[in-house]
Amino acid sequence: MSVKLTLVTATILLLSRQALAGYRRVCYHTNWSQYRPGLGKFKPSNIDASLCTHLIYGLAQITDNQLATYEWNDEQL
């Protein structure tokens, strides 16, 4: 019974901490969306920064054990 109570208490504390820290709205942007035709074309400049607390930019590759860009213009985007 004591272990169960400890787990419940720990879970409540963890959830409370996350609630107090505020919300997160994570936006994900793929580097290949720049190649879509017409109105589907999408670049980082099209992202409304007021909508996201965090931005994940995909993708990258590993070359010679180093993180490297994937598309020719990733550093510019």
N, C-alpha and C. Protein backbone atom coordinates (compact mmCIF):
# COMPACT_ATOMS: atom_id res chain seq x y z
N MET A 1 0.82 -1.19 0.00
CA MET A 1 0.00 0.00 0.00
C MET A 1 0.86 1.26 0.00
N SER A 2 1.96 1.23 0.70
CA SER A 2 2.85 2.37 0.81
C SER A 2 3.50 2.70 -0.54
N VAL A 3 3.87 1.67 -1.29
CA VAL A 3 4.49 1.87 -2.60
C VAL A 3 3.48 2.52 -3.56
N LYS A 4 2.24 2.06 -3.49
CA LYS A 4 1.19 2.62 -4.34
C LYS A 4 0.97 4.10 -4.03
N LEU A 5 0.93 4.43 -2.76
CA LEU A 5 0.74 5.82 -2.35
C LEU A 5 1.91 6.68 -2.81
N THR A 6 3.12 6.15 -2.72
CA THR A 6 4.30 6.89 -3.17
C THR A 6 4.24 7.14 -4.67
N LEU A 7 3.85 6.15 -5.44
CA LEU A 7 3.75 6.31 -6.89
C LEU A 7 2.67 7.33 -7.26
N VAL A 8 1.54 7.27 -6.58
CA VAL A 8 0.47 8.23 -6.85
C VAL A 8 0.93 9.65 -6.51
N THR A 9 1.58 9.80 -5.38
CA THR A 9 2.08 11.11 -4.96
C THR A 9 3.11 11.64 -5.96
N ALA A 10 4.03 10.78 -6.38
CA ALA A 10 5.04 11.20 -7.35
C ALA A 10 4.41 11.62 -8.67
N THR A 11 3.40 10.88 -9.11
CA THR A 11 2.71 11.22 -10.36
C THR A 11 2.00 12.57 -10.24
N ILE A 12 1.34 12.79 -9.13
CA ILE A 12 0.65 14.07 -8.92
C ILE A 12 1.64 15.22 -8.89
N LEU A 13 2.77 15.04 -8.23
CA LEU A 13 3.78 16.09 -8.18
C LEU A 13 4.34 16.38 -9.56
N LEU A 14 4.59 15.33 -10.33
CA LEU A 14 5.12 15.51 -11.68
C LEU A 14 4.12 16.26 -12.56
N LEU A 15 2.86 15.86 -12.51
CA LEU A 15 1.84 16.54 -13.31
C LEU A 15 1.65 17.98 -12.87
N SER A 16 1.72 18.23 -11.56
CA SER A 16 1.59 19.60 -11.06
C SER A 16 2.74 20.46 -11.54
N ARG A 17 3.93 19.90 -11.53
CA ARG A 17 5.11 20.65 -11.99
C ARG A 17 4.96 21.04 -13.45
N GLN A 18 4.49 20.09 -14.27
CA GLN A 18 4.31 20.38 -15.69
C GLN A 18 3.22 21.43 -15.89
N ALA A 19 2.16 21.37 -15.10
CA ALA A 19 1.08 22.35 -15.23
C ALA A 19 1.57 23.74 -14.84
N LEU A 20 2.39 23.83 -13.80
CA LEU A 20 2.91 25.12 -13.37
C LEU A 20 3.91 25.70 -14.36
N ALA A 21 4.60 24.85 -15.09
CA ALA A 21 5.60 25.30 -16.04
C ALA A 21 4.95 25.93 -17.28
N GLY A 22 3.66 25.78 -17.43
CA GLY A 22 2.97 26.32 -18.58
C GLY A 22 2.82 25.28 -19.67
N TYR A 23 2.23 25.68 -20.76
CA TYR A 23 2.00 24.74 -21.84
C TYR A 23 3.13 24.80 -22.85
N ARG A 24 3.18 23.77 -23.66
CA ARG A 24 4.13 23.72 -24.78
C ARG A 24 3.34 23.43 -26.05
N ARG A 25 3.56 24.22 -27.05
CA ARG A 25 2.98 23.94 -28.35
C ARG A 25 4.15 23.75 -29.30
N VAL A 26 4.43 22.51 -29.60
CA VAL A 26 5.59 22.15 -30.41
C VAL A 26 5.15 22.06 -31.87
N CYS A 27 5.82 22.81 -32.72
CA CYS A 27 5.55 22.80 -34.15
C CYS A 27 6.68 22.04 -34.85
N TYR A 28 6.32 21.28 -35.87
CA TYR A 28 7.29 20.48 -36.60
C TYR A 28 7.29 20.94 -38.05
N HIS A 29 8.46 21.24 -38.56
CA HIS A 29 8.59 21.69 -39.95
C HIS A 29 9.57 20.77 -40.67
N THR A 30 9.17 20.28 -41.83
CA THR A 30 10.04 19.42 -42.62
C THR A 30 10.73 20.22 -43.71
N ASN A 31 12.01 19.90 -43.93
CA ASN A 31 12.77 20.66 -44.91
C ASN A 31 12.32 20.41 -46.35
N TRP A 32 11.62 19.34 -46.60
CA TRP A 32 11.19 19.06 -47.97
C TRP A 32 9.89 19.77 -48.35
N SER A 33 9.24 20.43 -47.40
CA SER A 33 8.00 21.13 -47.74
C SER A 33 8.25 22.32 -48.67
N GLN A 34 9.50 22.74 -48.79
CA GLN A 34 9.84 23.83 -49.71
C GLN A 34 9.67 23.42 -51.17
N TYR A 35 9.60 22.12 -51.43
CA TYR A 35 9.50 21.62 -52.81
C TYR A 35 8.07 21.31 -53.23
N ARG A 36 7.10 21.51 -52.36
CA ARG A 36 5.71 21.25 -52.73
C ARG A 36 5.27 22.24 -53.81
N PRO A 37 4.40 21.80 -54.70
CA PRO A 37 3.92 22.72 -55.75
C PRO A 37 2.85 23.67 -55.24
N GLY A 38 2.77 24.81 -55.86
CA GLY A 38 1.70 25.77 -55.61
C GLY A 38 1.57 26.23 -54.17
N LEU A 39 0.32 26.24 -53.68
CA LEU A 39 0.04 26.74 -52.34
C LEU A 39 0.55 25.80 -51.24
N GLY A 40 0.94 24.59 -51.60
CA GLY A 40 1.47 23.65 -50.61
C GLY A 40 2.90 23.95 -50.21
N LYS A 41 3.58 24.79 -50.99
CA LYS A 41 4.97 25.16 -50.69
C LYS A 41 5.02 25.88 -49.35
N PHE A 42 5.94 25.48 -48.48
CA PHE A 42 5.98 26.02 -47.13
C PHE A 42 7.42 26.14 -46.67
N LYS A 43 7.78 27.32 -46.18
CA LYS A 43 9.13 27.58 -45.69
C LYS A 43 9.04 28.08 -44.25
N PRO A 44 10.15 28.07 -43.52
CA PRO A 44 10.12 28.56 -42.14
C PRO A 44 9.58 29.98 -42.01
N SER A 45 9.77 30.79 -43.02
CA SER A 45 9.25 32.16 -42.96
C SER A 45 7.73 32.20 -42.96
N ASN A 46 7.08 31.08 -43.34
CA ASN A 46 5.62 31.00 -43.33
C ASN A 46 5.06 30.62 -41.95
N ILE A 47 5.92 30.28 -41.00
CA ILE A 47 5.47 29.86 -39.68
C ILE A 47 5.13 31.08 -38.83
N ASP A 48 3.96 31.09 -38.26
CA ASP A 48 3.56 32.15 -37.33
C ASP A 48 4.19 31.82 -35.98
N ALA A 49 5.27 32.51 -35.64
CA ALA A 49 6.03 32.22 -34.43
C ALA A 49 5.22 32.39 -33.16
N SER A 50 4.13 33.15 -33.22
CA SER A 50 3.32 33.33 -32.02
C SER A 50 2.51 32.08 -31.68
N LEU A 51 2.45 31.13 -32.59
CA LEU A 51 1.69 29.90 -32.35
C LEU A 51 2.51 28.80 -31.69
N CYS A 52 3.84 28.90 -31.72
CA CYS A 52 4.70 27.81 -31.26
C CYS A 52 5.58 28.25 -30.10
N THR A 53 5.71 27.39 -29.10
CA THR A 53 6.69 27.64 -28.05
C THR A 53 8.02 26.98 -28.41
N HIS A 54 7.96 25.93 -29.22
CA HIS A 54 9.16 25.21 -29.66
C HIS A 54 8.98 24.86 -31.13
N LEU A 55 10.08 24.80 -31.85
CA LEU A 55 10.06 24.42 -33.26
C LEU A 55 11.06 23.31 -33.50
N ILE A 56 10.60 22.24 -34.12
CA ILE A 56 11.48 21.15 -34.51
C ILE A 56 11.63 21.23 -36.03
N TYR A 57 12.86 21.34 -36.47
CA TYR A 57 13.15 21.42 -37.90
C TYR A 57 13.71 20.08 -38.34
N GLY A 58 13.04 19.41 -39.25
CA GLY A 58 13.51 18.11 -39.72
C GLY A 58 13.90 18.22 -41.18
N LEU A 59 14.87 17.70 -41.59
CA LEU A 59 15.65 16.57 -41.11
C LEU A 59 17.13 16.90 -41.13
N ALA A 60 17.92 15.96 -40.68
CA ALA A 60 19.38 16.08 -40.73
C ALA A 60 19.94 14.69 -41.02
N GLN A 61 21.22 14.62 -41.19
CA GLN A 61 21.87 13.33 -41.41
C GLN A 61 23.16 13.27 -40.61
N ILE A 62 23.69 12.08 -40.48
CA ILE A 62 24.96 11.90 -39.78
C ILE A 62 26.01 11.51 -40.82
N THR A 63 27.03 12.33 -40.92
CA THR A 63 28.14 12.09 -41.84
C THR A 63 29.43 12.10 -41.04
N ASP A 64 30.20 11.03 -41.14
CA ASP A 64 31.45 10.91 -40.38
C ASP A 64 31.23 11.16 -38.89
N ASN A 65 30.18 10.55 -38.34
CA ASN A 65 29.83 10.68 -36.92
C ASN A 65 29.53 12.12 -36.50
N GLN A 66 29.13 12.97 -37.42
CA GLN A 66 28.79 14.35 -37.13
C GLN A 66 27.39 14.64 -37.67
N LEU A 67 26.64 15.45 -36.95
CA LEU A 67 25.34 15.89 -37.44
C LEU A 67 25.57 16.84 -38.61
N ALA A 68 24.88 16.60 -39.71
CA ALA A 68 25.09 17.41 -40.91
C ALA A 68 23.74 17.77 -41.53
N THR A 69 23.74 18.83 -42.32
CA THR A 69 22.52 19.24 -43.01
C THR A 69 22.14 18.20 -44.05
N TYR A 70 20.87 18.21 -44.41
CA TYR A 70 20.36 17.23 -45.35
C TYR A 70 20.12 17.84 -46.72
N GLU A 71 19.46 18.99 -46.73
CA GLU A 71 19.18 19.69 -47.99
C GLU A 71 20.25 20.75 -48.23
N TRP A 72 20.38 21.15 -49.45
CA TRP A 72 21.43 22.09 -49.85
C TRP A 72 21.29 23.45 -49.15
N ASN A 73 20.07 23.84 -48.76
CA ASN A 73 19.86 25.17 -48.19
C ASN A 73 19.38 25.14 -46.73
N ASP A 74 19.59 24.04 -46.03
CA ASP A 74 19.13 23.93 -44.64
C ASP A 74 19.67 25.04 -43.74
N GLU A 75 20.90 25.39 -43.90
CA GLU A 75 21.48 26.44 -43.04
C GLU A 75 20.82 27.79 -43.29
N GLN A 76 20.43 28.05 -44.53
CA GLN A 76 19.77 29.32 -44.85
C GLN A 76 18.35 29.35 -44.34
N LEU A 77 17.66 28.19 -44.41
CA LEU A 77 16.27 28.14 -43.93
C LEU A 77 16.23 28.19 -42.43
